């Protein structure tokens, strides 16, 4: 056990888990852990269909839990399709919801762990263990996937200072191209560190992003994330993401959200608050005005190195356009074009 790689996580951490990897989590504190899990079903690693496949080595999920989950997902899917894609996508979504399993017939609602389907004697021979132990593995589904431990568990874990020292040495030394493999890859990155904020404004808020450059394993997963915080009544300038879709989950506070399609149609204009989730497709522009309590969110993007293109502000497309182009495109005076180009310096 001293050779096992056990990672500690804290609030604000992003944890990257590659496709097919086995993982477990244990809460050794007195505070509840709330985790947001995102599965990218469009990833090349998923060779079956556009549905997440979860396998358990222990425990299982009852049919009642799965039925309730499917009903909730179906309702949310239909609502999202109505807002974004219209009637045609709604029909496609319903057809996908009726898909059969890859081997024919309807999929079973109860999800056991993978050991439950094997012959007990065969497993006993493979493990070189007593069949009674194998039956314990196969019948553990009755406990579910979240269990209460009998007593505090202890693990051999490296001290946080040692981990940070190892990371500094890795960054400071010469690269040989194989210093990070799947087994030794860094999997955790904290998005609450103000010193590492990619965008920071004391009056407006901050934005922390993690991509393949900060967490290299994301290059294999083709995913990235960002965590943002707006001060009360602050505005997140209109922008669009050039090369990815975005799914936003509201952590705290509230905001007025507007999303506009590439056809100039307002597809979302709503007040969102804690626990709400909404998508922003690629090339759709979005903006947010924080409420009186501020606005905090986390966003997941379907690209390992996403690019934003602001529609307003000192890094917007207007800065790169000559005044004459703006004047003639919008039929405004040169002074008005100058205002569009230079009025917002931060």
Protein backbone atom coordinates (compact mmCIF):
# COMPACT_ATOMS: atom_id res chain seq x y z
CA UNK A 1 0.00 0.00 0.00
CA UNK A 2 2.94 2.36 0.47
CA UNK A 3 3.33 2.46 -3.32
CA UNK A 4 -0.27 3.49 -4.02
CA UNK A 5 -0.71 7.03 -5.34
CA UNK A 6 -3.39 8.66 -3.17
CA UNK A 7 -4.38 12.25 -3.99
CA UNK A 8 -5.89 14.70 -1.53
CA UNK A 9 -8.42 17.21 -2.82
CA UNK A 10 -10.01 20.34 -1.40
CA UNK A 11 -12.64 22.90 -2.33
CA UNK A 12 -12.04 24.40 -5.76
CA UNK A 13 -10.11 21.42 -7.15
CA UNK A 14 -10.60 20.09 -10.66
CA UNK A 15 -9.84 16.35 -10.86
CA UNK A 16 -9.13 14.84 -14.28
CA UNK A 17 -9.99 11.14 -14.56
CA UNK A 18 -9.08 9.52 -17.92
CA UNK A 19 -11.58 7.28 -19.69
CA UNK A 20 -11.64 3.77 -18.25
CA UNK A 21 -9.67 4.66 -15.10
CA UNK A 22 -10.80 3.15 -11.79
CA UNK A 23 -11.16 5.58 -8.91
CA UNK A 24 -12.57 5.82 -5.39
CA UNK A 25 -13.12 8.74 -3.04
CA UNK A 26 -13.18 8.90 0.75
CA UNK A 27 -14.30 11.84 2.88
CA UNK A 28 -12.13 11.86 6.01
CA UNK A 29 -13.38 15.25 7.22
CA UNK A 30 -16.50 16.39 9.05
CA UNK A 31 -17.71 18.50 6.12
CA UNK A 32 -19.99 17.31 3.34
CA UNK A 33 -18.40 16.93 -0.11
CA UNK A 34 -20.39 18.11 -3.13
CA UNK A 35 -18.83 17.14 -6.48
CA UNK A 36 -19.90 18.00 -10.03
CA UNK A 37 -19.12 15.17 -12.46
CA UNK A 38 -18.93 15.76 -16.23
CA UNK A 39 -18.74 12.90 -18.75
CA UNK A 40 -17.74 13.73 -22.33
CA UNK A 41 -19.68 11.13 -24.34
CA UNK A 42 -18.36 12.59 -27.61
CA UNK A 43 -14.77 11.77 -26.68
CA UNK A 44 -12.98 9.40 -29.12
CA UNK A 45 -12.42 7.02 -26.19
CA UNK A 46 -16.17 6.30 -26.18
CA UNK A 47 -16.54 3.69 -28.94
CA UNK A 48 -20.16 2.66 -28.28
CA UNK A 49 -22.76 5.43 -28.45
CA UNK A 50 -23.51 8.90 -27.12
CA UNK A 51 -24.32 7.72 -23.62
CA UNK A 52 -22.08 7.57 -20.57
CA UNK A 53 -21.11 4.04 -19.54
CA UNK A 54 -20.32 3.50 -15.86
CA UNK A 55 -18.86 0.28 -14.50
CA UNK A 56 -18.57 -0.56 -10.82
CA UNK A 57 -16.02 -2.85 -9.18
CA UNK A 58 -18.03 -2.72 -5.95
CA UNK A 59 -21.59 -1.80 -5.10
CA UNK A 60 -24.28 -1.10 -7.66
CA UNK A 61 -27.35 1.01 -8.41
CA UNK A 62 -30.92 -0.11 -7.88
CA UNK A 63 -33.57 0.05 -10.60
CA UNK A 64 -35.56 2.65 -8.63
CA UNK A 65 -32.61 5.06 -8.59
CA UNK A 66 -31.92 4.63 -12.31
CA UNK A 67 -35.56 5.13 -13.29
CA UNK A 68 -35.70 8.39 -11.35
CA UNK A 69 -32.42 9.54 -12.90
CA UNK A 70 -33.58 8.73 -16.44
CA UNK A 71 -36.85 10.60 -15.94
CA UNK A 72 -34.97 13.68 -14.69
CA UNK A 73 -32.46 13.54 -17.57
CA UNK A 74 -35.27 13.14 -20.09
CA UNK A 75 -37.07 16.22 -18.77
CA UNK A 76 -33.90 18.30 -18.72
CA UNK A 77 -32.89 17.11 -22.20
CA UNK A 78 -36.23 18.06 -23.71
CA UNK A 79 -36.13 21.52 -22.09
CA UNK A 80 -32.61 22.20 -23.34
CA UNK A 81 -33.45 21.03 -26.85
CA UNK A 82 -36.50 23.30 -26.98
CA UNK A 83 -34.41 26.30 -26.02
CA UNK A 84 -31.42 25.64 -28.26
CA UNK A 85 -32.11 23.32 -31.14
CA UNK A 86 -35.84 23.38 -31.87
CA UNK A 87 -38.27 20.73 -33.01
CA UNK A 88 -35.89 18.62 -35.10
CA UNK A 89 -33.42 18.12 -32.24
CA UNK A 90 -36.27 17.22 -29.89
CA UNK A 91 -37.26 14.37 -32.17
CA UNK A 92 -33.66 13.15 -32.42
CA UNK A 93 -33.27 13.30 -28.64
CA UNK A 94 -36.36 11.17 -28.11
CA UNK A 95 -35.12 8.63 -30.67
CA UNK A 96 -31.76 8.40 -28.88
CA UNK A 97 -33.57 7.90 -25.59
CA UNK A 98 -35.20 4.76 -27.05
CA UNK A 99 -31.93 3.14 -28.14
CA UNK A 100 -31.48 -0.51 -27.38
CA UNK A 101 -28.39 -2.03 -25.88
CA UNK A 102 -25.53 -2.92 -28.29
CA UNK A 103 -26.37 -6.65 -28.01
CA UNK A 104 -30.11 -6.33 -28.65
CA UNK A 105 -33.07 -6.08 -26.33
CA UNK A 106 -33.74 -3.46 -23.69
CA UNK A 107 -30.98 -2.49 -21.27
CA UNK A 108 -31.39 -3.78 -17.74
CA UNK A 109 -32.27 -1.09 -15.21
CA UNK A 110 -30.31 -2.61 -12.33
CA UNK A 111 -26.56 -1.99 -12.59
CA UNK A 112 -24.47 -4.51 -10.71
CA UNK A 113 -20.72 -4.43 -10.38
CA UNK A 114 -18.77 -6.25 -13.08
CA UNK A 115 -18.00 -9.22 -10.84
CA UNK A 116 -21.70 -10.06 -10.46
CA UNK A 117 -21.91 -11.43 -14.00
CA UNK A 118 -19.05 -13.93 -13.68
CA UNK A 119 -19.22 -17.49 -12.46
CA UNK A 120 -18.25 -17.62 -8.79
CA UNK A 121 -15.96 -20.64 -9.16
CA UNK A 122 -14.19 -19.08 -12.13
CA UNK A 123 -13.51 -15.91 -10.14
CA UNK A 124 -12.27 -17.94 -7.19
CA UNK A 125 -9.76 -19.63 -9.46
CA UNK A 126 -8.67 -16.33 -11.03
CA UNK A 127 -8.10 -14.71 -7.61
CA UNK A 128 -6.92 -17.93 -5.97
CA UNK A 129 -9.35 -17.18 -3.16
CA UNK A 130 -12.20 -18.92 -1.37
CA UNK A 131 -15.51 -18.84 -3.32
CA UNK A 132 -17.16 -17.28 -0.27
CA UNK A 133 -14.99 -14.19 -0.73
CA UNK A 134 -16.03 -14.03 -4.38
CA UNK A 135 -19.69 -14.14 -3.40
CA UNK A 136 -19.07 -11.12 -1.16
CA UNK A 137 -17.71 -9.27 -4.20
CA UNK A 138 -20.69 -10.25 -6.33
CA UNK A 139 -23.38 -9.44 -3.76
CA UNK A 140 -22.07 -6.05 -2.64
CA UNK A 141 -24.59 -4.29 -4.91
CA UNK A 142 -27.09 -4.19 -2.05
CA UNK A 143 -24.93 -1.58 -0.30
CA UNK A 144 -25.12 0.94 -3.15
CA UNK A 145 -22.17 3.01 -4.36
CA UNK A 146 -21.90 5.33 -1.32
CA UNK A 147 -21.30 3.49 1.95
CA UNK A 148 -20.63 4.42 5.56
CA UNK A 149 -17.30 3.03 6.80
CA UNK A 150 -17.19 1.25 10.14
CA UNK A 151 -14.18 3.18 11.44
CA UNK A 152 -11.78 5.88 10.27
CA UNK A 153 -9.62 4.70 7.37
CA UNK A 154 -5.95 5.62 7.20
CA UNK A 155 -3.73 5.76 4.11
CA UNK A 156 -0.09 6.31 3.38
CA UNK A 157 -0.09 9.64 1.54
CA UNK A 158 2.73 12.06 0.69
CA UNK A 159 2.77 15.35 2.56
CA UNK A 160 1.47 18.33 0.58
CA UNK A 161 4.84 20.10 0.86
CA UNK A 162 6.60 17.07 -0.64
CA UNK A 163 4.14 17.02 -3.54
CA UNK A 164 4.70 20.72 -4.22
CA UNK A 165 8.50 20.29 -4.04
CA UNK A 166 8.34 17.41 -6.52
CA UNK A 167 6.23 19.55 -8.88
CA UNK A 168 8.68 22.46 -8.67
CA UNK A 169 11.60 20.14 -9.43
CA UNK A 170 9.72 18.67 -12.38
CA UNK A 171 9.06 22.12 -13.83
CA UNK A 172 12.57 23.39 -13.16
CA UNK A 173 14.52 20.48 -14.64
CA UNK A 174 15.10 19.67 -18.31
CA UNK A 175 12.29 17.90 -20.14
CA UNK A 176 12.97 14.48 -21.64
CA UNK A 177 9.51 14.08 -23.18
CA UNK A 178 8.43 11.20 -20.95
CA UNK A 179 8.50 12.83 -17.52
CA UNK A 180 4.70 12.62 -17.28
CA UNK A 181 2.90 9.40 -18.09
CA UNK A 182 -0.57 8.17 -17.18
CA UNK A 183 0.78 6.59 -13.99
CA UNK A 184 2.65 9.68 -12.81
CA UNK A 185 0.48 12.41 -14.33
CA UNK A 186 -0.78 15.30 -12.26
CA UNK A 187 -4.56 14.91 -11.95
CA UNK A 188 -5.62 17.74 -9.63
CA UNK A 189 -5.60 21.50 -10.16
CA UNK A 190 -7.11 24.10 -7.83
CA UNK A 191 -9.21 26.89 -9.34
CA UNK A 192 -9.54 28.97 -6.16
CA UNK A 193 -5.97 30.31 -6.14
CA UNK A 194 -6.25 34.07 -6.61
CA UNK A 195 -2.53 34.41 -7.35
CA UNK A 196 -2.95 32.19 -10.42
CA UNK A 197 -6.07 33.95 -11.73
CA UNK A 198 -5.97 34.47 -15.50
CA UNK A 199 -8.20 37.55 -15.22
CA UNK A 200 -8.36 39.66 -12.05
CA UNK A 201 -10.08 42.96 -11.33
CA UNK A 202 -10.55 44.00 -7.71
CA UNK A 203 -13.82 45.81 -8.47
CA UNK A 204 -15.26 43.37 -11.01
CA UNK A 205 -14.08 39.84 -10.18
CA UNK A 206 -11.72 37.10 -11.30
CA UNK A 207 -11.48 34.14 -13.67
CA UNK A 208 -9.32 31.03 -13.18
CA UNK A 209 -8.85 28.69 -16.14
CA UNK A 210 -7.25 25.26 -16.47
CA UNK A 211 -6.29 23.83 -19.85
CA UNK A 212 -3.72 21.44 -21.28
CA UNK A 213 -0.87 23.84 -20.45
CA UNK A 214 -1.66 23.91 -16.73
CA UNK A 215 -2.86 20.30 -16.47
CA UNK A 216 -1.22 18.33 -19.33
CA UNK A 217 -3.43 15.25 -18.93
CA UNK A 218 -6.31 17.35 -20.31
CA UNK A 219 -4.65 17.06 -23.73
CA UNK A 220 -5.62 13.37 -23.71
CA UNK A 221 -9.17 14.14 -22.61
CA UNK A 222 -9.68 17.20 -24.84
CA UNK A 223 -11.46 19.02 -22.01
CA UNK A 224 -10.87 22.14 -19.93
CA UNK A 225 -12.60 24.17 -17.25
CA UNK A 226 -12.83 27.61 -15.72
CA UNK A 227 -14.14 29.06 -12.47
CA UNK A 228 -15.32 32.63 -12.31
CA UNK A 229 -16.51 35.08 -9.69
CA UNK A 230 -18.26 38.40 -10.38
CA UNK A 231 -18.67 41.06 -7.74
CA UNK A 232 -22.24 42.34 -7.13
CA UNK A 233 -23.66 44.07 -10.23
CA UNK A 234 -20.49 43.39 -12.25
CA UNK A 235 -20.77 42.55 -15.96
CA UNK A 236 -19.07 39.71 -17.84
CA UNK A 237 -18.60 41.29 -21.26
CA UNK A 238 -20.32 39.62 -24.27
CA UNK A 239 -18.08 37.00 -25.86
CA UNK A 240 -18.16 33.69 -27.69
CA UNK A 241 -16.01 30.57 -27.49
CA UNK A 242 -14.35 29.88 -30.83
CA UNK A 243 -13.55 26.18 -30.59
CA UNK A 244 -15.70 24.48 -27.95
CA UNK A 245 -19.10 24.02 -26.40
CA UNK A 246 -19.55 25.19 -22.81
CA UNK A 247 -21.66 23.86 -19.93
CA UNK A 248 -22.07 26.29 -17.03
CA UNK A 249 -23.01 25.33 -13.46
CA UNK A 250 -23.92 28.08 -10.98
CA UNK A 251 -22.13 27.67 -7.64
CA UNK A 252 -23.33 30.73 -5.71
CA UNK A 253 -25.17 33.99 -6.17
CA UNK A 254 -27.33 34.90 -9.14
CA UNK A 255 -27.05 36.63 -12.50
CA UNK A 256 -29.00 37.67 -15.57
CA UNK A 257 -27.75 35.49 -18.43
CA UNK A 258 -28.18 36.21 -22.13
CA UNK A 259 -27.15 33.77 -24.86
CA UNK A 260 -27.44 34.70 -28.54
CA UNK A 261 -27.13 32.25 -31.44
CA UNK A 262 -24.92 32.75 -34.48
CA UNK A 263 -28.11 33.84 -36.30
CA UNK A 264 -28.61 36.75 -33.90
CA UNK A 265 -31.51 35.09 -32.06
CA UNK A 266 -31.76 35.41 -28.28
CA UNK A 267 -32.05 31.78 -27.16
CA UNK A 268 -31.67 32.42 -23.42
CA UNK A 269 -32.50 35.49 -21.35
CA UNK A 270 -33.05 34.32 -17.79
CA UNK A 271 -32.13 34.85 -14.17
CA UNK A 272 -30.01 31.94 -12.91
CA UNK A 273 -29.07 31.06 -9.35
CA UNK A 274 -27.26 28.41 -7.33
CA UNK A 275 -27.70 24.89 -8.72
CA UNK A 276 -28.77 25.98 -12.21
CA UNK A 277 -27.01 24.57 -15.26
CA UNK A 278 -27.15 25.77 -18.87
CA UNK A 279 -25.24 25.16 -22.13
CA UNK A 280 -23.57 27.69 -24.42
CA UNK A 281 -22.90 26.04 -27.81
CA UNK A 282 -19.87 26.87 -29.91
CA UNK A 283 -20.10 30.28 -31.66
CA UNK A 284 -23.06 31.32 -29.48
CA UNK A 285 -22.36 34.64 -27.72
CA UNK A 286 -23.07 35.06 -24.01
CA UNK A 287 -22.97 37.68 -21.29
CA UNK A 288 -23.77 37.80 -17.56
CA UNK A 289 -24.78 40.59 -15.17
CA UNK A 290 -24.26 39.62 -11.52
CA UNK A 291 -27.01 40.24 -8.98
CA UNK A 292 -26.79 41.85 -5.55
CA UNK A 293 -25.12 38.75 -4.07
CA UNK A 294 -22.48 38.40 -6.77
CA UNK A 295 -22.16 35.46 -9.13
CA UNK A 296 -19.89 32.40 -8.97
CA UNK A 297 -19.81 29.63 -11.55
CA UNK A 298 -17.78 26.78 -12.99
CA UNK A 299 -17.76 26.05 -16.72
CA UNK A 300 -16.64 22.91 -18.55
CA UNK A 301 -15.44 23.17 -22.15
CA UNK A 302 -15.09 20.52 -24.86
CA UNK A 303 -11.61 21.56 -25.93
CA UNK A 304 -8.23 21.18 -24.23
CA UNK A 305 -7.26 24.77 -25.19
CA UNK A 306 -10.43 26.86 -25.60
CA UNK A 307 -10.32 30.32 -27.13
CA UNK A 308 -12.63 33.23 -26.32
CA UNK A 309 -13.39 36.12 -28.64
CA UNK A 310 -14.78 39.19 -26.81
CA UNK A 311 -17.42 41.31 -28.54
CA UNK A 312 -16.70 44.40 -26.43
CA UNK A 313 -13.79 45.73 -24.41
CA UNK A 314 -10.12 46.42 -24.92
CA UNK A 315 -9.42 42.92 -26.28
CA UNK A 316 -12.49 42.80 -28.54
CA UNK A 317 -12.61 42.51 -32.32
CA UNK A 318 -13.21 46.28 -32.57
CA UNK A 319 -9.64 46.98 -31.46
CA UNK A 320 -8.29 45.18 -34.52
CA UNK A 321 -10.56 47.01 -37.00
CA UNK A 322 -9.72 50.33 -38.71
CA UNK A 323 -12.03 53.23 -37.86
CA UNK A 324 -13.19 53.43 -41.47
CA UNK A 325 -14.36 49.82 -41.39
CA UNK A 326 -16.40 50.41 -38.23
CA UNK A 327 -17.79 53.70 -39.55
CA UNK A 328 -19.04 52.21 -42.80
CA UNK A 329 -20.18 48.88 -41.36
CA UNK A 330 -22.45 50.46 -38.73
CA UNK A 331 -23.15 53.82 -40.41
CA UNK A 332 -21.81 55.79 -37.45
CA UNK A 333 -19.63 58.88 -37.24
CA UNK A 334 -15.86 58.62 -36.79
CA UNK A 335 -16.23 59.86 -33.20
CA UNK A 336 -18.82 57.17 -32.46
CA UNK A 337 -16.57 54.56 -34.06
CA UNK A 338 -13.72 55.81 -31.86
CA UNK A 339 -15.95 55.31 -28.80
CA UNK A 340 -16.76 51.74 -29.82
CA UNK A 341 -13.09 51.04 -30.34
CA UNK A 342 -11.47 52.71 -27.33
CA UNK A 343 -14.00 53.63 -24.62
CA UNK A 344 -13.62 50.40 -22.63
CA UNK A 345 -9.99 50.20 -21.49
CA UNK A 346 -10.43 47.43 -18.89
